């Protein structure tokens, strides 16, 4: 069955860095756009990075551009999110997701074909 397993979350001080990983299985990873999406309680999901199937197109919203970098290794079926200069407002549960097409307007994680169980990122001193 399809699995997306995130790892690398945790507690970090403001200004610090974290690297998230997401291991995918059960589907043809190299055929899918991959996303990192975050969500805080009481709010809808916010996509923070996307990458195309080959890894040569990436996009991020203004809120994280220049601080977050998405990458993928199709040989390892893994997508990464390098996060730098973390701020308290980056605190959220971070999910990776896969979708056959490029999409940025989402209202729910279920808008994606696949998504993982999430990993908590807490930015606090």
C-alpha atoms as a PDB file:
ATOM      1  CA  UNK A   1       0.000   0.000   0.000  1.00  0.00           C
ATOM      2  CA  UNK A   2       0.977   3.620  -0.368  1.00  0.00           C
ATOM      3  CA  UNK A   3       3.084   5.037   2.438  1.00  0.00           C
ATOM      4  CA  UNK A   4       4.643   8.440   3.001  1.00  0.00           C
ATOM      5  CA  UNK A   5       6.678   8.548   6.203  1.00  0.00           C
ATOM      6  CA  UNK A   6       8.021  11.888   7.416  1.00  0.00           C
ATOM      7  CA  UNK A   7      10.907  12.246   9.838  1.00  0.00           C
ATOM      8  CA  UNK A   8      13.257  14.920  11.159  1.00  0.00           C
ATOM      9  CA  UNK A   9      10.875  17.131  13.069  1.00  0.00           C
ATOM     10  CA  UNK A  10      11.503  18.364  16.586  1.00  0.00           C
ATOM     11  CA  UNK A  11      12.147  21.368  18.795  1.00  0.00           C
ATOM     12  CA  UNK A  12      14.503  24.057  17.508  1.00  0.00           C
ATOM     13  CA  UNK A  13      15.339  27.578  18.629  1.00  0.00           C
ATOM     14  CA  UNK A  14      14.448  30.590  16.497  1.00  0.00           C
ATOM     15  CA  UNK A  15      17.077  31.070  13.823  1.00  0.00           C
ATOM     16  CA  UNK A  16      17.913  27.383  13.792  1.00  0.00           C
ATOM     17  CA  UNK A  17      17.661  24.757  11.083  1.00  0.00           C
ATOM     18  CA  UNK A  18      15.988  21.406  10.525  1.00  0.00           C
ATOM     19  CA  UNK A  19      15.934  18.954   7.677  1.00  0.00           C
ATOM     20  CA  UNK A  20      12.794  16.932   7.103  1.00  0.00           C
ATOM     21  CA  UNK A  21      12.739  13.698   5.103  1.00  0.00           C
ATOM     22  CA  UNK A  22       9.852  11.794   3.591  1.00  0.00           C
ATOM     23  CA  UNK A  23      10.248   8.207   2.425  1.00  0.00           C
ATOM     24  CA  UNK A  24       7.697   7.091  -0.142  1.00  0.00           C
ATOM     25  CA  UNK A  25       6.591   3.604  -1.130  1.00  0.00           C
ATOM     26  CA  UNK A  26       3.723   1.881  -2.871  1.00  0.00           C
ATOM     27  CA  UNK A  27       3.484   4.178  -5.887  1.00  0.00           C
ATOM     28  CA  UNK A  28       5.666   5.325  -8.779  1.00  0.00           C
ATOM     29  CA  UNK A  29       7.412   8.144  -6.941  1.00  0.00           C
ATOM     30  CA  UNK A  30       9.168   9.554 -10.008  1.00  0.00           C
ATOM     31  CA  UNK A  31       5.797  10.200 -11.709  1.00  0.00           C
ATOM     32  CA  UNK A  32       4.542  12.522  -9.013  1.00  0.00           C
ATOM     33  CA  UNK A  33       4.947  16.132  -8.017  1.00  0.00           C
ATOM     34  CA  UNK A  34       5.847  16.215  -4.330  1.00  0.00           C
ATOM     35  CA  UNK A  35       4.829  18.776  -1.750  1.00  0.00           C
ATOM     36  CA  UNK A  36       5.519  19.843   1.780  1.00  0.00           C
ATOM     37  CA  UNK A  37       2.458  21.187   3.537  1.00  0.00           C
ATOM     38  CA  UNK A  38       2.062  22.463   7.087  1.00  0.00           C
ATOM     39  CA  UNK A  39      -0.939  22.838   9.319  1.00  0.00           C
ATOM     40  CA  UNK A  40      -1.608  24.327  12.733  1.00  0.00           C
ATOM     41  CA  UNK A  41      -4.643  23.490  14.873  1.00  0.00           C
ATOM     42  CA  UNK A  42      -7.737  25.368  13.824  1.00  0.00           C
ATOM     43  CA  UNK A  43      -6.360  26.423  10.445  1.00  0.00           C
ATOM     44  CA  UNK A  44      -6.343  24.931   6.989  1.00  0.00           C
ATOM     45  CA  UNK A  45      -3.234  23.446   5.388  1.00  0.00           C
ATOM     46  CA  UNK A  46      -0.606  25.723   3.850  1.00  0.00           C
ATOM     47  CA  UNK A  47       1.718  24.397   1.158  1.00  0.00           C
ATOM     48  CA  UNK A  48       5.304  25.495   1.750  1.00  0.00           C
ATOM     49  CA  UNK A  49       7.208  23.869  -1.112  1.00  0.00           C
ATOM     50  CA  UNK A  50       6.638  21.836  -4.243  1.00  0.00           C
ATOM     51  CA  UNK A  51       8.928  20.034  -6.663  1.00  0.00           C
ATOM     52  CA  UNK A  52       8.251  18.461 -10.027  1.00  0.00           C
ATOM     53  CA  UNK A  53       8.840  14.852 -11.022  1.00  0.00           C
ATOM     54  CA  UNK A  54      12.410  15.387 -12.213  1.00  0.00           C
ATOM     55  CA  UNK A  55      13.378  17.807  -9.464  1.00  0.00           C
ATOM     56  CA  UNK A  56      14.224  20.706 -11.782  1.00  0.00           C
ATOM     57  CA  UNK A  57      11.242  22.877 -10.920  1.00  0.00           C
ATOM     58  CA  UNK A  58      10.591  24.062  -7.384  1.00  0.00           C
ATOM     59  CA  UNK A  59       8.304  26.677  -5.961  1.00  0.00           C
ATOM     60  CA  UNK A  60       7.690  28.166  -2.524  1.00  0.00           C
ATOM     61  CA  UNK A  61       5.376  30.874  -1.201  1.00  0.00           C
ATOM     62  CA  UNK A  62       6.694  34.218   0.011  1.00  0.00           C
ATOM     63  CA  UNK A  63       6.367  33.150   3.639  1.00  0.00           C
ATOM     64  CA  UNK A  64       9.257  30.661   3.327  1.00  0.00           C
ATOM     65  CA  UNK A  65      11.028  31.540   0.077  1.00  0.00           C
ATOM     66  CA  UNK A  66      14.764  31.861   0.625  1.00  0.00           C
ATOM     67  CA  UNK A  67      14.577  29.932   3.905  1.00  0.00           C
ATOM     68  CA  UNK A  68      13.101  26.553   2.857  1.00  0.00           C
ATOM     69  CA  UNK A  69      14.564  24.343   0.127  1.00  0.00           C
ATOM     70  CA  UNK A  70      12.851  21.266  -1.258  1.00  0.00           C
ATOM     71  CA  UNK A  71      14.753  18.503  -3.025  1.00  0.00           C
ATOM     72  CA  UNK A  72      14.190  14.903  -4.018  1.00  0.00           C
ATOM     73  CA  UNK A  73      16.144  11.745  -4.721  1.00  0.00           C
ATOM     74  CA  UNK A  74      14.158   9.539  -7.090  1.00  0.00           C
ATOM     75  CA  UNK A  75      16.629   6.687  -6.637  1.00  0.00           C
ATOM     76  CA  UNK A  76      15.763   6.639  -2.930  1.00  0.00           C
ATOM     77  CA  UNK A  77      12.067   7.563  -3.299  1.00  0.00           C
ATOM     78  CA  UNK A  78      12.655  10.365  -0.834  1.00  0.00           C
ATOM     79  CA  UNK A  79      11.816  14.061  -0.706  1.00  0.00           C
ATOM     80  CA  UNK A  80      13.506  16.510   1.644  1.00  0.00           C
ATOM     81  CA  UNK A  81      12.793  19.919   3.120  1.00  0.00           C
ATOM     82  CA  UNK A  82      15.761  21.912   4.373  1.00  0.00           C
ATOM     83  CA  UNK A  83      14.507  24.648   6.691  1.00  0.00           C
ATOM     84  CA  UNK A  84      16.735  27.524   7.796  1.00  0.00           C
ATOM     85  CA  UNK A  85      16.262  30.722   9.773  1.00  0.00           C
ATOM     86  CA  UNK A  86      13.267  29.186  11.475  1.00  0.00           C
ATOM     87  CA  UNK A  87      10.730  31.458  13.100  1.00  0.00           C
ATOM     88  CA  UNK A  88       8.106  30.823  15.753  1.00  0.00           C
ATOM     89  CA  UNK A  89       5.419  31.134  13.085  1.00  0.00           C
ATOM     90  CA  UNK A  90       6.911  28.096  11.336  1.00  0.00           C
ATOM     91  CA  UNK A  91       5.645  25.937  14.197  1.00  0.00           C
ATOM     92  CA  UNK A  92       3.243  23.377  12.734  1.00  0.00           C
ATOM     93  CA  UNK A  93       2.785  19.761  11.768  1.00  0.00           C
ATOM     94  CA  UNK A  94       4.575  19.235   8.465  1.00  0.00           C
ATOM     95  CA  UNK A  95       3.253  16.738   5.949  1.00  0.00           C
ATOM     96  CA  UNK A  96       4.644  15.512   2.690  1.00  0.00           C
ATOM     97  CA  UNK A  97       2.210  14.833  -0.110  1.00  0.00           C
ATOM     98  CA  UNK A  98       2.232  13.505  -3.639  1.00  0.00           C
ATOM     99  CA  UNK A  99       0.024  14.514  -6.540  1.00  0.00           C
ATOM    100  CA  UNK A 100      -0.011  13.734 -10.247  1.00  0.00           C
ATOM    101  CA  UNK A 101      -0.253  17.411 -11.144  1.00  0.00           C
ATOM    102  CA  UNK A 102       0.989  20.761  -9.923  1.00  0.00           C
ATOM    103  CA  UNK A 103      -1.494  22.289  -7.499  1.00  0.00           C
ATOM    104  CA  UNK A 104      -1.229  25.166  -5.028  1.00  0.00           C
ATOM    105  CA  UNK A 105      -4.854  25.891  -4.137  1.00  0.00           C
ATOM    106  CA  UNK A 106      -5.792  23.340  -1.504  1.00  0.00           C
ATOM    107  CA  UNK A 107      -8.346  23.269   1.271  1.00  0.00           C
ATOM    108  CA  UNK A 108      -7.555  19.857   2.682  1.00  0.00           C
ATOM    109  CA  UNK A 109      -4.755  17.315   2.693  1.00  0.00           C
ATOM    110  CA  UNK A 110      -7.167  14.991   0.907  1.00  0.00           C
ATOM    111  CA  UNK A 111      -6.891  17.272  -2.127  1.00  0.00           C
ATOM    112  CA  UNK A 112      -3.610  15.448  -2.783  1.00  0.00           C
ATOM    113  CA  UNK A 113      -3.465  11.912  -4.114  1.00  0.00           C
ATOM    114  CA  UNK A 114      -1.311  10.812  -1.175  1.00  0.00           C
ATOM    115  CA  UNK A 115      -0.066  12.314   2.084  1.00  0.00           C
ATOM    116  CA  UNK A 116       1.762  11.154   5.189  1.00  0.00           C
ATOM    117  CA  UNK A 117       1.043  11.219   8.905  1.00  0.00           C
ATOM    118  CA  UNK A 118       3.069  14.365   9.565  1.00  0.00           C
ATOM    119  CA  UNK A 119       5.943  15.390  11.805  1.00  0.00           C
ATOM    120  CA  UNK A 120       5.803  18.140  14.419  1.00  0.00           C
ATOM    121  CA  UNK A 121       8.118  21.127  14.102  1.00  0.00           C
ATOM    122  CA  UNK A 122       8.244  23.464  17.086  1.00  0.00           C
ATOM    123  CA  UNK A 123      10.266  26.671  16.967  1.00  0.00           C
ATOM    124  CA  UNK A 124      10.682  28.074  20.451  1.00  0.00           C
ATOM    125  CA  UNK A 125      13.335  29.381  22.801  1.00  0.00           C
END
